[in-house]
Amino acid sequence: MLEVKDGQCGLCAHFGETHAPTAQLTKIRQQHEAPETLLDDCGHPRHASLHLKVTPIAKCDGFEPAKAA
């Protein structure tokens, strides 16, 4: 498991934004831990046309904190 810190994609409102919330996404946001192999969509408007897949520990300057689950 990877530790997910503030400012990283796993805790960003845009991580997994392109689909309905999953139990795994909720767990990442509550426990700040994610599997090493997890990739999910980045729904940030600046990156939408790129259809990015990112890890929960990736970062960018478009971070917006996810609402508490």
Protein backbone atom coordinates (compact mmCIF):
# COMPACT_ATOMS: atom_id res chain seq x y z
CA MET A 1 0.00 0.00 0.00
CA LEU A 2 1.07 3.57 -0.72
CA GLU A 3 0.56 6.48 1.66
CA VAL A 4 -1.50 9.20 -0.04
CA LYS A 5 -0.74 12.72 1.18
CA ASP A 6 -2.49 16.07 0.83
CA GLY A 7 -1.88 17.51 -2.63
CA GLN A 8 -1.73 14.11 -4.32
CA CYS A 9 -4.25 12.82 -6.84
CA GLY A 10 -5.87 10.24 -4.57
CA LEU A 11 -7.19 13.05 -2.38
CA CYS A 12 -8.14 15.33 -5.29
CA ALA A 13 -11.75 15.97 -6.30
CA HIS A 14 -10.80 15.19 -9.92
CA PHE A 15 -9.37 11.71 -9.21
CA GLY A 16 -11.94 9.21 -10.50
CA GLU A 17 -14.30 12.09 -11.29
CA THR A 18 -15.33 10.61 -14.64
CA HIS A 19 -17.29 7.77 -13.02
CA ALA A 20 -19.48 7.11 -10.00
CA PRO A 21 -17.60 6.96 -6.68
CA THR A 22 -16.40 3.48 -5.76
CA ALA A 23 -15.81 1.89 -2.37
CA GLN A 24 -12.09 1.85 -3.17
CA LEU A 25 -12.03 5.60 -3.86
CA THR A 26 -13.90 6.33 -0.63
CA LYS A 27 -11.47 4.13 1.30
CA ILE A 28 -8.45 5.98 -0.19
CA ARG A 29 -9.89 9.33 0.89
CA GLN A 30 -10.70 8.10 4.39
CA GLN A 31 -7.58 6.07 5.12
CA HIS A 32 -5.02 7.87 2.92
CA GLU A 33 -3.75 4.54 1.58
CA ALA A 34 -3.96 3.10 -1.94
CA PRO A 35 -2.80 -0.03 -3.75
CA GLU A 36 0.47 0.36 -5.63
CA THR A 37 -1.05 -0.77 -8.94
CA LEU A 38 -4.13 1.50 -8.95
CA LEU A 39 -4.71 3.85 -11.90
CA ASP A 40 -7.79 6.02 -12.33
CA ASP A 41 -9.05 8.84 -14.50
CA CYS A 42 -8.10 12.47 -13.99
CA GLY A 43 -11.19 14.58 -14.62
CA HIS A 44 -9.50 17.97 -14.23
CA PRO A 45 -10.88 20.32 -16.92
CA ARG A 46 -7.39 21.34 -18.08
CA HIS A 47 -6.46 17.69 -18.63
CA ALA A 48 -9.79 16.24 -19.81
CA SER A 49 -8.84 16.14 -23.48
CA LEU A 50 -5.78 14.05 -22.60
CA HIS A 51 -7.83 11.27 -20.93
CA LEU A 52 -5.10 10.84 -18.31
CA LYS A 53 -4.80 7.81 -16.09
CA VAL A 54 -2.95 8.69 -12.89
CA THR A 55 -1.81 6.99 -9.71
CA PRO A 56 -3.14 8.11 -6.32
CA ILE A 57 0.30 9.53 -5.44
CA ALA A 58 0.70 11.60 -8.63
CA LYS A 59 0.49 15.39 -8.31
CA CYS A 60 -0.27 18.49 -10.38
CA ASP A 61 -0.88 22.17 -9.77
CA GLY A 62 -4.64 21.70 -10.34
CA PHE A 63 -5.20 19.86 -7.04
CA GLU A 64 -8.60 20.51 -5.46
CA PRO A 65 -9.34 18.69 -2.19
CA ALA A 66 -12.07 16.07 -2.42
CA LYS A 67 -15.06 16.53 -0.15
CA ALA A 68 -14.98 14.40 2.98
CA ALA A 69 -16.61 11.05 2.41
